[in-house]
């Protein structure tokens, strides 16, 4: 019969061995993160070495800290080196939940010296399985090829930053933005009228205007039916919608309108923003009888626009 004391000693010994093994596996995993970051550092250096005329480090005008400068075709981009080093050396103290914001600046600087810099948080794809130095290298490579990054459907923050920096009309991004709108949404941008148009249902074409009007915070919204005159539904979506200037929301929803106005769903559905605007629905109902009847019967409920409470 096995001695009870010996059995307890064996159990304790096995437990200690397993704990030591767990500690070693943890330390090995930590060491592996350092190793792959060193490998990624070679990849990062290779990108910089291959593009000496497009990637360099200096203190940008108006700044006091070093930044990686990337010269793309559409703009120049600044990434503070301090934020990158902080994230790599101790990610637990970094306030950025991923890659740091990228400052976007037109080539030659802003025409208005007092204008605030535009910044974009660019998170290129799922990088959970690769080292941080690889992520930095991929980001820099993407900014060098910024035309490709601009038309990537997942890079809405980057597009918005460039559009803020340049403007939509008669700017270095106008043509590529028009191509993006057509390819992704079937929408067109009319440069002379400074408006974006997209076909909806029941013969409607929707027009987002006010693009160059300093008095318009977001967009004006109007419609035409089968090539007829424009009917303005709101002079500024800022006053009656939450997603008032988000084209990635507005264009897909408008392509389904006015039919979408008859299909109100749950209060939790964020896509119901447009179809719950009292101002817009009341205006559209004046020119589209099905919506007018739905409002009169109570099938479509009108709610106060968020700015009505202000």
Protein backbone atom coordinates (compact mmCIF):
# COMPACT_ATOMS: atom_id res chain seq x y z
CA UNK A 1 0.00 0.00 0.00
CA UNK A 2 1.39 3.41 -1.02
CA UNK A 3 2.50 5.58 1.84
CA UNK A 4 0.12 8.53 2.25
CA UNK A 5 2.99 10.92 2.91
CA UNK A 6 4.76 9.87 -0.29
CA UNK A 7 1.51 10.34 -2.26
CA UNK A 8 1.11 13.88 -0.95
CA UNK A 9 4.75 14.66 -1.76
CA UNK A 10 4.27 13.42 -5.34
CA UNK A 11 1.12 15.49 -5.77
CA UNK A 12 2.84 18.61 -4.46
CA UNK A 13 5.85 17.96 -6.70
CA UNK A 14 3.63 17.58 -9.79
CA UNK A 15 1.73 20.74 -8.89
CA UNK A 16 4.93 22.74 -8.51
CA UNK A 17 6.24 21.35 -11.80
CA UNK A 18 3.06 22.36 -13.63
CA UNK A 19 3.22 25.86 -12.15
CA UNK A 20 6.84 26.26 -13.17
CA UNK A 21 5.98 25.07 -16.64
CA UNK A 22 3.15 27.63 -16.83
CA UNK A 23 5.49 30.42 -15.75
CA UNK A 24 8.05 29.40 -18.35
CA UNK A 25 5.44 29.24 -21.11
CA UNK A 26 4.27 32.74 -20.18
CA UNK A 27 7.82 34.14 -20.20
CA UNK A 28 8.52 32.40 -23.52
CA UNK A 29 5.37 33.95 -25.02
CA UNK A 30 6.46 37.41 -23.84
CA UNK A 31 9.92 36.85 -25.31
CA UNK A 32 8.31 35.78 -28.59
CA UNK A 33 6.48 39.12 -28.84
CA UNK A 34 9.82 40.89 -28.59
CA UNK A 35 11.37 38.60 -31.20
CA UNK A 36 8.62 39.11 -33.79
CA UNK A 37 8.70 42.88 -33.20
CA UNK A 38 12.40 42.84 -34.03
CA UNK A 39 11.62 40.91 -37.23
CA UNK A 40 8.89 43.45 -38.00
CA UNK A 41 11.40 46.24 -37.43
CA UNK A 42 13.32 44.95 -40.44
CA UNK A 43 10.11 45.10 -42.51
CA UNK A 44 9.47 48.67 -41.32
CA UNK A 45 13.01 49.76 -42.11
CA UNK A 46 12.74 48.21 -45.56
CA UNK A 47 9.66 50.31 -46.39
CA UNK A 48 11.40 53.48 -45.22
CA UNK A 49 14.60 52.64 -47.11
CA UNK A 50 12.65 51.89 -50.30
CA UNK A 51 10.91 55.30 -50.23
CA UNK A 52 13.47 57.88 -49.00
CA UNK A 53 11.73 60.63 -50.96
CA UNK A 54 8.33 59.82 -49.42
CA UNK A 55 9.09 58.75 -45.84
CA UNK A 56 11.35 60.60 -43.41
CA UNK A 57 11.43 61.93 -39.85
CA UNK A 58 11.47 65.59 -38.86
CA UNK A 59 9.66 68.14 -36.71
CA UNK A 60 6.67 69.39 -38.73
CA UNK A 61 5.98 73.11 -38.95
CA UNK A 62 3.90 74.21 -35.98
CA UNK A 63 4.96 71.22 -33.89
CA UNK A 64 7.65 70.61 -31.27
CA UNK A 65 7.92 66.83 -31.53
CA UNK A 66 9.40 64.50 -34.10
CA UNK A 67 7.02 62.82 -36.52
CA UNK A 68 7.22 60.29 -39.30
CA UNK A 69 6.32 62.24 -42.44
CA UNK A 70 4.69 60.33 -45.29
CA UNK A 71 4.16 62.03 -48.64
CA UNK A 72 1.22 60.48 -50.47
CA UNK A 73 -0.32 61.47 -53.78
CA UNK A 74 -3.30 63.18 -52.13
CA UNK A 75 -1.72 64.77 -49.04
CA UNK A 76 1.10 64.54 -46.53
CA UNK A 77 0.70 62.67 -43.24
CA UNK A 78 2.33 63.09 -39.85
CA UNK A 79 2.56 60.41 -37.13
CA UNK A 80 4.23 61.51 -33.86
CA UNK A 81 7.08 59.10 -33.13
CA UNK A 82 6.59 59.51 -29.36
CA UNK A 83 3.11 57.95 -29.55
CA UNK A 84 4.40 54.99 -31.56
CA UNK A 85 7.30 54.33 -29.19
CA UNK A 86 5.01 54.67 -26.17
CA UNK A 87 2.56 52.14 -27.58
CA UNK A 88 5.34 49.66 -28.36
CA UNK A 89 7.26 50.08 -25.10
CA UNK A 90 4.24 49.95 -22.79
CA UNK A 91 0.82 49.62 -24.41
CA UNK A 92 -0.86 49.68 -20.97
CA UNK A 93 -0.08 53.40 -20.63
CA UNK A 94 -1.09 54.35 -24.17
CA UNK A 95 -4.34 56.31 -24.42
CA UNK A 96 -4.82 55.27 -28.05
CA UNK A 97 -6.79 52.06 -28.48
CA UNK A 98 -4.79 51.11 -31.56
CA UNK A 99 -2.58 52.96 -34.00
CA UNK A 100 -2.30 56.67 -33.11
CA UNK A 101 -4.22 59.30 -35.10
CA UNK A 102 -2.62 60.41 -38.35
CA UNK A 103 -2.47 64.15 -39.03
CA UNK A 104 -3.58 64.94 -42.59
CA UNK A 105 -2.24 68.05 -44.30
CA UNK A 106 -2.57 69.22 -47.93
CA UNK A 107 0.68 69.43 -49.85
CA UNK A 108 2.07 72.89 -49.22
CA UNK A 109 -0.01 73.36 -46.05
CA UNK A 110 -3.44 74.87 -45.52
CA UNK A 111 -4.36 78.03 -47.38
CA UNK A 112 -5.86 79.28 -44.10
CA UNK A 113 -3.03 79.39 -41.56
CA UNK A 114 -5.48 79.38 -38.65
CA UNK A 115 -7.25 76.22 -39.78
CA UNK A 116 -7.14 73.26 -37.42
CA UNK A 117 -5.32 70.15 -38.57
CA UNK A 118 -7.43 67.20 -39.68
CA UNK A 119 -6.68 63.83 -38.12
CA UNK A 120 -7.83 60.32 -38.94
CA UNK A 121 -7.75 57.13 -36.87
CA UNK A 122 -6.70 54.52 -39.43
CA UNK A 123 -6.88 50.90 -38.33
CA UNK A 124 -5.90 48.92 -41.45
CA UNK A 125 -7.63 45.56 -41.12
CA UNK A 126 -7.39 42.99 -38.34
CA UNK A 127 -3.86 43.20 -36.94
CA UNK A 128 -4.44 41.16 -33.80
CA UNK A 129 -2.11 38.42 -34.98
CA UNK A 130 0.86 40.50 -36.11
CA UNK A 131 3.52 42.50 -34.22
CA UNK A 132 3.19 46.25 -33.71
CA UNK A 133 6.16 47.06 -35.92
CA UNK A 134 4.45 45.26 -38.81
CA UNK A 135 1.30 47.32 -38.20
CA UNK A 136 3.32 50.54 -38.39
CA UNK A 137 4.97 49.38 -41.61
CA UNK A 138 1.61 48.47 -43.16
CA UNK A 139 0.17 51.85 -42.14
CA UNK A 140 3.06 53.73 -43.75
CA UNK A 141 2.80 51.65 -46.92
CA UNK A 142 -0.93 52.37 -47.05
CA UNK A 143 -0.39 56.11 -46.71
CA UNK A 144 2.21 56.08 -49.48
CA UNK A 145 -0.49 54.52 -51.69
CA UNK A 146 -3.18 56.84 -50.33
CA UNK A 147 -5.33 56.71 -53.47
CA UNK A 148 -5.95 53.01 -52.83
CA UNK A 149 -6.59 53.70 -49.15
CA UNK A 150 -9.08 56.46 -50.04
CA UNK A 151 -11.32 54.15 -52.11
CA UNK A 152 -11.17 51.31 -49.57
CA UNK A 153 -14.77 50.98 -48.27
CA UNK A 154 -13.52 50.32 -44.72
CA UNK A 155 -11.58 53.59 -44.48
CA UNK A 156 -14.39 56.12 -43.94
CA UNK A 157 -12.45 58.07 -41.25
CA UNK A 158 -9.54 58.51 -43.67
CA UNK A 159 -11.85 59.72 -46.47
CA UNK A 160 -13.57 62.17 -44.13
CA UNK A 161 -10.22 63.60 -43.00
CA UNK A 162 -9.07 64.16 -46.58
CA UNK A 163 -12.40 65.70 -47.56
CA UNK A 164 -12.18 68.06 -44.57
CA UNK A 165 -8.62 68.95 -45.48
CA UNK A 166 -9.27 69.55 -49.19
CA UNK A 167 -13.02 70.00 -49.66
CA UNK A 168 -15.19 67.99 -52.06
CA UNK A 169 -15.38 70.47 -54.94
CA UNK A 170 -12.47 71.47 -57.20
CA UNK A 171 -9.89 69.82 -54.95
CA UNK A 172 -7.16 67.18 -55.34
CA UNK A 173 -9.62 64.51 -54.12
CA UNK A 174 -12.65 65.54 -56.22
CA UNK A 175 -12.14 63.09 -59.08
CA UNK A 176 -11.25 60.09 -56.94
CA UNK A 177 -14.16 60.90 -54.60
CA UNK A 178 -16.54 60.98 -57.57
CA UNK A 179 -15.24 57.57 -58.67
CA UNK A 180 -15.71 56.20 -55.15
CA UNK A 181 -19.30 57.48 -54.93
CA UNK A 182 -20.19 55.89 -58.25
CA UNK A 183 -18.48 52.55 -57.58
CA UNK A 184 -19.68 52.09 -54.00
CA UNK A 185 -23.07 53.77 -53.95
CA UNK A 186 -24.15 54.45 -57.53
CA UNK A 187 -24.18 58.15 -56.63
CA UNK A 188 -22.92 61.10 -58.64
CA UNK A 189 -21.42 64.40 -57.56
CA UNK A 190 -22.39 67.44 -59.60
CA UNK A 191 -19.50 69.86 -59.26
CA UNK A 192 -21.29 72.85 -60.79
CA UNK A 193 -24.28 72.48 -58.44
CA UNK A 194 -22.08 71.35 -55.51
CA UNK A 195 -24.40 68.46 -54.69
CA UNK A 196 -24.41 64.67 -54.52
CA UNK A 197 -27.30 62.83 -56.19
CA UNK A 198 -28.53 59.26 -55.84
CA UNK A 199 -31.56 57.48 -57.28
CA UNK A 200 -34.13 56.22 -54.80
CA UNK A 201 -37.40 54.31 -55.25
CA UNK A 202 -40.64 55.33 -57.01
CA UNK A 203 -38.89 57.64 -59.48
CA UNK A 204 -37.24 59.77 -56.76
CA UNK A 205 -33.73 61.17 -57.05
CA UNK A 206 -32.28 62.56 -53.84
CA UNK A 207 -29.89 65.51 -53.72
CA UNK A 208 -27.49 66.35 -50.88
CA UNK A 209 -26.45 69.96 -51.35
CA UNK A 210 -25.02 72.91 -49.47
CA UNK A 211 -21.54 71.43 -49.80
CA UNK A 212 -19.84 74.79 -50.26
CA UNK A 213 -22.33 76.87 -48.27
CA UNK A 214 -20.68 78.11 -45.04
CA UNK A 215 -24.14 78.48 -43.45
CA UNK A 216 -24.90 74.76 -43.87
CA UNK A 217 -23.47 72.59 -41.10
CA UNK A 218 -24.08 69.25 -42.85
CA UNK A 219 -26.15 68.90 -46.05
CA UNK A 220 -29.35 70.27 -47.48
CA UNK A 221 -31.71 67.51 -48.64
CA UNK A 222 -34.01 67.80 -51.64
CA UNK A 223 -35.62 65.45 -54.12
CA UNK A 224 -36.80 65.44 -57.70
CA UNK A 225 -39.25 63.03 -59.29
CA UNK A 226 -38.48 61.69 -62.75
CA UNK A 227 -36.35 64.68 -63.66
CA UNK A 228 -38.77 67.27 -62.28
CA UNK A 229 -37.97 70.30 -60.11
CA UNK A 230 -36.10 70.04 -56.83
CA UNK A 231 -38.18 70.11 -53.66
CA UNK A 232 -36.24 71.06 -50.54
CA UNK A 233 -37.06 68.88 -47.51
CA UNK A 234 -34.57 70.43 -45.10
CA UNK A 235 -32.07 73.25 -45.51
CA UNK A 236 -29.67 71.48 -43.16
CA UNK A 237 -29.78 67.86 -41.98
CA UNK A 238 -27.80 68.97 -38.92
CA UNK A 239 -31.02 70.22 -37.34
CA UNK A 240 -33.16 67.11 -37.81
CA UNK A 241 -30.89 64.05 -37.84
CA UNK A 242 -28.16 62.44 -35.79
CA UNK A 243 -26.24 60.90 -38.71
CA UNK A 244 -26.54 64.24 -40.46
CA UNK A 245 -23.27 64.29 -42.41
CA UNK A 246 -22.33 60.61 -42.67
CA UNK A 247 -22.46 59.72 -46.37
CA UNK A 248 -21.80 56.06 -45.61
CA UNK A 249 -25.16 56.09 -43.82
CA UNK A 250 -27.11 58.63 -45.87
CA UNK A 251 -26.51 57.29 -49.37
CA UNK A 252 -27.51 53.63 -48.75
CA UNK A 253 -30.65 54.75 -46.90
CA UNK A 254 -31.64 57.34 -49.51
CA UNK A 255 -31.28 54.70 -52.23
CA UNK A 256 -34.16 52.87 -50.50
CA UNK A 257 -36.29 55.98 -49.97
CA UNK A 258 -39.08 56.96 -50.02
CA UNK A 259 -40.08 53.28 -49.62
CA UNK A 260 -37.93 53.10 -46.47
CA UNK A 261 -40.11 55.77 -44.86
CA UNK A 262 -42.99 53.27 -44.76
CA UNK A 263 -40.91 50.62 -43.01
CA UNK A 264 -40.24 52.04 -39.56
CA UNK A 265 -38.88 49.36 -37.26
CA UNK A 266 -37.50 49.22 -33.72
CA UNK A 267 -36.32 52.25 -31.78
CA UNK A 268 -32.94 50.54 -31.37
CA UNK A 269 -32.26 50.40 -35.10
CA UNK A 270 -29.75 53.19 -35.90
CA UNK A 271 -30.69 53.02 -39.58
CA UNK A 272 -34.05 54.51 -38.71
CA UNK A 273 -32.50 57.94 -38.13
CA UNK A 274 -33.61 59.41 -41.46
CA UNK A 275 -37.05 57.78 -41.49
CA UNK A 276 -37.79 59.19 -38.02
CA UNK A 277 -37.12 62.83 -38.91
CA UNK A 278 -40.43 64.67 -38.51
CA UNK A 279 -39.32 67.57 -40.69
CA UNK A 280 -38.19 65.38 -43.58
CA UNK A 281 -41.13 62.96 -43.46
CA UNK A 282 -43.70 65.76 -43.30
CA UNK A 283 -42.09 67.45 -46.29
CA UNK A 284 -41.85 64.26 -48.38
CA UNK A 285 -45.47 63.39 -47.57
CA UNK A 286 -46.56 66.55 -49.41
CA UNK A 287 -45.29 65.10 -52.69
CA UNK A 288 -45.73 61.35 -52.13
CA UNK A 289 -49.26 60.18 -51.37
CA UNK A 290 -48.41 56.74 -49.86
CA UNK A 291 -46.43 58.39 -47.08
CA UNK A 292 -49.14 61.00 -46.52
CA UNK A 293 -51.76 58.26 -46.09
CA UNK A 294 -49.48 56.27 -43.77
CA UNK A 295 -49.00 59.31 -41.52
CA UNK A 296 -52.74 60.08 -41.45
CA UNK A 297 -53.60 56.47 -40.56
CA UNK A 298 -50.97 56.29 -37.84
CA UNK A 299 -48.98 53.55 -39.57
CA UNK A 300 -46.04 55.95 -39.61
CA UNK A 301 -45.52 57.85 -36.38
CA UNK A 302 -43.92 61.26 -36.39
CA UNK A 303 -41.44 62.04 -33.62
CA UNK A 304 -39.94 65.36 -32.68
CA UNK A 305 -36.56 65.99 -34.26
CA UNK A 306 -33.71 66.05 -31.76
CA UNK A 307 -33.16 69.80 -32.22
CA UNK A 308 -36.80 70.53 -31.32
CA UNK A 309 -35.88 70.04 -27.66
CA UNK A 310 -33.09 72.58 -27.70
